[in-house]
N, C-alpha and C. Protein backbone atom coordinates (compact mmCIF):
# COMPACT_ATOMS: atom_id res chain seq x y z
N UNK A 1 -47.34 53.50 5.45
CA UNK A 1 -46.38 52.78 5.60
C UNK A 1 -45.18 53.20 5.51
N UNK A 2 -44.69 54.22 4.90
CA UNK A 2 -43.26 54.99 4.74
C UNK A 2 -42.77 55.29 6.42
N UNK A 3 -43.55 55.72 7.34
CA UNK A 3 -43.18 56.04 8.73
C UNK A 3 -42.93 54.37 9.18
N UNK A 4 -43.69 53.75 9.08
CA UNK A 4 -43.40 52.40 10.02
C UNK A 4 -42.17 51.75 9.18
N UNK A 5 -41.84 51.78 8.22
CA UNK A 5 -40.52 51.21 7.57
C UNK A 5 -39.47 51.77 8.05
N UNK A 6 -39.49 53.27 8.29
CA UNK A 6 -38.37 54.06 8.65
C UNK A 6 -38.27 53.53 10.42
N UNK A 7 -39.45 53.64 11.13
CA UNK A 7 -39.21 53.13 12.76
C UNK A 7 -38.69 51.64 13.14
N UNK A 8 -38.97 50.94 11.86
CA UNK A 8 -38.64 49.48 12.16
C UNK A 8 -37.07 49.44 11.76
N UNK A 9 -36.33 49.98 10.33
CA UNK A 9 -35.02 49.44 10.51
C UNK A 9 -34.33 50.72 10.96
N UNK A 10 -33.60 50.66 12.01
CA UNK A 10 -32.98 51.64 12.33
C UNK A 10 -31.74 52.16 11.52
N UNK A 11 -30.81 51.40 11.73
CA UNK A 11 -29.63 51.24 10.90
C UNK A 11 -28.78 49.77 10.63
N UNK A 12 -27.87 50.20 9.57
CA UNK A 12 -26.97 48.91 9.46
C UNK A 12 -26.08 48.27 10.53
N UNK A 13 -25.91 47.45 10.90
CA UNK A 13 -25.26 46.42 11.89
C UNK A 13 -23.84 46.02 11.34
N UNK A 14 -22.90 46.84 11.28
CA UNK A 14 -21.34 46.55 10.65
C UNK A 14 -20.41 45.92 11.89
N UNK A 15 -19.78 44.75 11.55
CA UNK A 15 -18.76 44.37 12.20
C UNK A 15 -18.00 43.42 11.42
N UNK A 16 -17.29 43.07 12.15
CA UNK A 16 -16.12 42.26 10.78
C UNK A 16 -16.82 41.01 10.67
N UNK A 17 -17.80 40.21 11.49
CA UNK A 17 -18.19 39.16 11.22
C UNK A 17 -19.38 39.39 10.10
N UNK A 18 -20.15 40.56 10.43
CA UNK A 18 -21.33 41.00 9.33
C UNK A 18 -20.58 41.02 7.91
N UNK A 19 -19.43 41.71 7.66
CA UNK A 19 -18.84 42.05 6.80
C UNK A 19 -18.51 40.62 5.81
N UNK A 20 -18.08 39.47 6.96
CA UNK A 20 -17.87 38.39 6.36
C UNK A 20 -19.12 37.55 5.49
N UNK A 21 -19.70 38.01 6.54
CA UNK A 21 -21.30 36.88 5.74
C UNK A 21 -21.59 37.77 4.90
N UNK A 22 -21.84 39.29 4.74
CA UNK A 22 -22.07 39.76 3.46
C UNK A 22 -21.52 39.06 1.93
N UNK A 23 -20.09 39.12 2.18
CA UNK A 23 -19.37 38.68 1.47
C UNK A 23 -19.80 36.99 0.87
N UNK A 24 -19.79 36.00 1.87
CA UNK A 24 -20.00 34.63 1.64
C UNK A 24 -21.44 34.02 1.41
N UNK A 25 -22.25 35.01 2.48
CA UNK A 25 -23.59 34.14 2.86
C UNK A 25 -24.73 35.04 2.35
N UNK A 26 -24.65 35.96 1.77
CA UNK A 26 -25.37 37.21 1.17
C UNK A 26 -26.38 37.64 2.04
N UNK A 27 -25.82 37.78 3.22
CA UNK A 27 -26.75 38.27 4.45
C UNK A 27 -26.28 40.12 4.90
N UNK A 28 -27.05 40.59 5.25
CA UNK A 28 -27.03 41.96 6.05
C UNK A 28 -27.59 42.03 7.55
N UNK A 29 -27.19 43.09 8.54
CA UNK A 29 -27.39 43.16 9.85
C UNK A 29 -27.79 44.29 10.19
N UNK A 30 -29.17 44.29 10.72
CA UNK A 30 -29.78 45.41 10.70
C UNK A 30 -30.63 45.78 12.51
N UNK A 31 -29.64 46.79 12.76
CA UNK A 31 -30.70 47.09 14.28
C UNK A 31 -31.77 47.54 13.98
N UNK A 32 -32.94 47.22 15.01
CA UNK A 32 -34.14 46.77 14.34
C UNK A 32 -35.20 47.31 15.56
N UNK A 33 -36.41 48.20 15.51
CA UNK A 33 -36.91 48.25 16.65
C UNK A 33 -37.31 46.95 17.36
N UNK A 34 -37.16 47.58 18.42
CA UNK A 34 -37.35 46.14 19.48
C UNK A 34 -38.92 45.43 19.45
N UNK A 35 -39.56 46.16 19.06
CA UNK A 35 -41.32 45.57 19.26
C UNK A 35 -41.45 44.76 17.72
N UNK A 36 -40.55 44.81 16.82
CA UNK A 36 -41.15 44.43 15.61
C UNK A 36 -40.25 42.89 15.33
N UNK A 37 -41.35 42.12 14.87
CA UNK A 37 -41.21 40.78 14.31
C UNK A 37 -40.59 40.61 13.13
N UNK A 38 -40.51 39.55 13.05
CA UNK A 38 -39.79 38.89 11.45
C UNK A 38 -40.66 39.27 10.24
N UNK A 39 -41.67 39.06 10.37
CA UNK A 39 -42.61 39.66 9.18
C UNK A 39 -42.37 40.96 8.63
N UNK A 40 -42.61 42.05 9.76
CA UNK A 40 -42.62 43.30 9.64
C UNK A 40 -40.99 43.60 9.14
N UNK A 41 -40.25 42.93 9.87
CA UNK A 41 -38.95 43.61 9.34
C UNK A 41 -38.61 43.26 8.12
N UNK A 42 -39.31 42.01 7.47
CA UNK A 42 -38.74 41.56 6.01
C UNK A 42 -39.59 42.29 4.96
N UNK A 43 -40.91 43.05 5.28
CA UNK A 43 -41.61 43.85 4.62
C UNK A 43 -41.04 44.76 4.56
N UNK A 44 -40.52 45.39 5.56
CA UNK A 44 -39.36 46.62 5.70
C UNK A 44 -38.22 46.76 4.79
N UNK A 45 -37.48 45.80 4.72
CA UNK A 45 -36.58 45.31 3.99
C UNK A 45 -36.85 45.28 2.78
N UNK A 46 -37.82 44.65 2.05
CA UNK A 46 -38.10 44.10 0.67
C UNK A 46 -38.97 45.76 0.18
N UNK A 47 -39.77 46.73 0.78
CA UNK A 47 -39.86 47.81 0.26
C UNK A 47 -39.16 48.77 0.43
N UNK A 48 -38.28 48.88 1.25
CA UNK A 48 -36.87 49.94 1.83
C UNK A 48 -36.03 50.13 0.65
N UNK A 49 -35.77 48.51 0.12
CA UNK A 49 -34.22 48.70 -0.68
C UNK A 49 -35.27 47.72 -2.18
N UNK A 50 -36.15 47.44 -2.29
CA UNK A 50 -36.64 46.67 -3.56
C UNK A 50 -36.04 45.48 -3.77
N UNK A 51 -35.89 44.49 -3.05
CA UNK A 51 -35.44 43.55 -3.05
C UNK A 51 -36.14 42.09 -2.46
N UNK A 52 -35.76 40.81 -2.55
CA UNK A 52 -36.24 39.92 -2.12
C UNK A 52 -35.46 39.49 -0.89
N UNK A 53 -36.57 39.01 0.36
CA UNK A 53 -35.55 38.78 1.32
C UNK A 53 -36.38 37.24 1.12
N UNK A 54 -34.70 36.24 1.48
CA UNK A 54 -34.89 34.50 1.70
C UNK A 54 -35.66 34.48 3.28
N UNK A 55 -34.86 34.63 4.12
CA UNK A 55 -35.06 34.79 5.79
C UNK A 55 -34.42 35.58 6.53
N UNK A 56 -34.99 35.73 7.75
CA UNK A 56 -34.96 36.77 8.62
C UNK A 56 -34.81 35.94 10.24
N UNK A 57 -33.52 36.02 10.55
CA UNK A 57 -33.35 35.61 11.76
C UNK A 57 -33.33 37.01 12.59
N UNK A 58 -33.77 37.00 14.31
CA UNK A 58 -33.68 37.96 14.93
C UNK A 58 -32.60 37.26 16.44
N UNK A 59 -31.96 38.41 16.72
CA UNK A 59 -31.09 38.18 18.04
C UNK A 59 -31.09 39.39 18.58
N UNK A 60 -31.70 38.91 20.08
CA UNK A 60 -31.68 40.54 21.45
C UNK A 60 -30.21 40.45 21.98
N UNK A 61 -29.32 41.50 22.03
CA UNK A 61 -28.17 41.79 22.46
C UNK A 61 -28.30 43.32 23.18
N UNK A 62 -27.23 43.39 23.92
CA UNK A 62 -27.30 44.68 24.95
C UNK A 62 -27.29 45.62 23.94
N UNK A 63 -27.28 45.78 22.98
CA UNK A 63 -27.21 46.82 21.86
C UNK A 63 -28.91 47.15 21.47
N UNK A 64 -29.75 45.87 21.27
CA UNK A 64 -31.14 46.11 21.13
C UNK A 64 -31.37 44.83 20.47
N UNK A 65 -32.25 44.84 19.24
CA UNK A 65 -32.62 43.73 18.70
C UNK A 65 -31.64 43.84 17.46
N UNK A 66 -31.07 42.76 16.68
CA UNK A 66 -30.41 42.85 15.88
C UNK A 66 -31.23 41.75 15.01
N UNK A 67 -31.37 42.03 14.00
CA UNK A 67 -32.10 41.36 12.68
C UNK A 67 -30.62 40.87 11.33
N UNK A 68 -30.83 39.60 11.27
CA UNK A 68 -29.73 39.06 10.04
C UNK A 68 -30.74 38.84 8.78
N UNK A 69 -30.77 39.67 7.74
CA UNK A 69 -31.04 39.07 6.53
C UNK A 69 -30.82 38.69 5.58
N UNK A 70 -31.10 37.29 4.97
CA UNK A 70 -30.15 36.17 3.76
C UNK A 70 -31.50 36.78 2.63
N UNK A 71 -30.68 37.55 1.72
CA UNK A 71 -31.41 37.98 0.94
C UNK A 71 -31.35 36.64 -0.65
N UNK A 72 -32.14 36.81 -1.36
CA UNK A 72 -32.22 35.72 -2.45
C UNK A 72 -31.07 35.68 -3.24
N UNK A 73 -30.65 35.10 -3.85
CA UNK A 73 -29.67 34.75 -4.83
C UNK A 73 -29.47 35.58 -5.77
N UNK A 74 -30.55 35.97 -6.44
CA UNK A 74 -30.66 37.34 -7.40
C UNK A 74 -30.43 38.65 -6.89
N UNK A 75 -30.26 38.90 -5.83
CA UNK A 75 -30.15 40.06 -5.40
C UNK A 75 -28.79 40.16 -4.49
N UNK A 76 -27.65 40.91 -4.50
CA UNK A 76 -26.56 40.89 -4.25
C UNK A 76 -26.56 41.80 -2.38
N UNK A 77 -26.06 41.12 -1.55
CA UNK A 77 -26.22 42.14 -0.51
C UNK A 77 -25.30 43.05 -0.36
N UNK A 78 -23.83 43.14 -1.12
CA UNK A 78 -23.11 43.94 -1.47
C UNK A 78 -23.98 45.66 -1.82
N UNK A 79 -24.76 45.07 -2.97
CA UNK A 79 -25.32 46.30 -3.70
C UNK A 79 -26.50 46.79 -2.84
N UNK A 80 -26.90 46.29 -2.38
CA UNK A 80 -28.01 46.49 -0.91
C UNK A 80 -27.12 47.48 -0.09
N UNK A 81 -26.23 46.56 0.69
CA UNK A 81 -25.15 47.34 1.65
C UNK A 81 -24.93 48.83 1.32
N UNK A 82 -24.41 49.02 -0.01
CA UNK A 82 -24.16 50.25 -0.22
C UNK A 82 -24.86 50.97 -0.26
N UNK A 83 -26.59 50.66 -0.65
CA UNK A 83 -27.33 51.84 -0.39
C UNK A 83 -27.85 51.78 1.00
N UNK A 84 -27.53 50.79 1.82
CA UNK A 84 -27.92 50.97 3.15
C UNK A 84 -26.93 51.85 3.82
N UNK A 85 -26.07 52.01 3.32
CA UNK A 85 -24.71 53.13 4.10
C UNK A 85 -23.68 52.00 4.76
N UNK A 86 -23.32 51.01 4.32
CA UNK A 86 -22.49 50.13 5.18
C UNK A 86 -21.13 50.56 4.64
N UNK A 87 -20.67 50.93 3.25
CA UNK A 87 -19.65 51.41 2.99
C UNK A 87 -19.46 53.30 2.80
C-alpha cells in the first residue's frame, strides 16, 4: 500500500486561491494520478498525513487531475500543508 499511496499523491498544488481556501475553508489541493478515484485519494491522504478527510472534489485541468481535499474540523489544513511541503 505504501507504493500505491505515493503513486496517487504526486505533490501539493499551490496557488493564491488554494492558499486562501486553506486558511478559510480548511482545504488543500493536490496533483494526483489521473487514474485515481475519490476513494483512493481519500485513503491515500488519510494514511500519508494521519488525518481524517471530510470530502474530496476532483477536477481535470491542463496540468492533470487536481483533488481538493476538505479536512474535518479537528484537523488543520495549515498543519497538514506544512507536512506536505506547501510552506
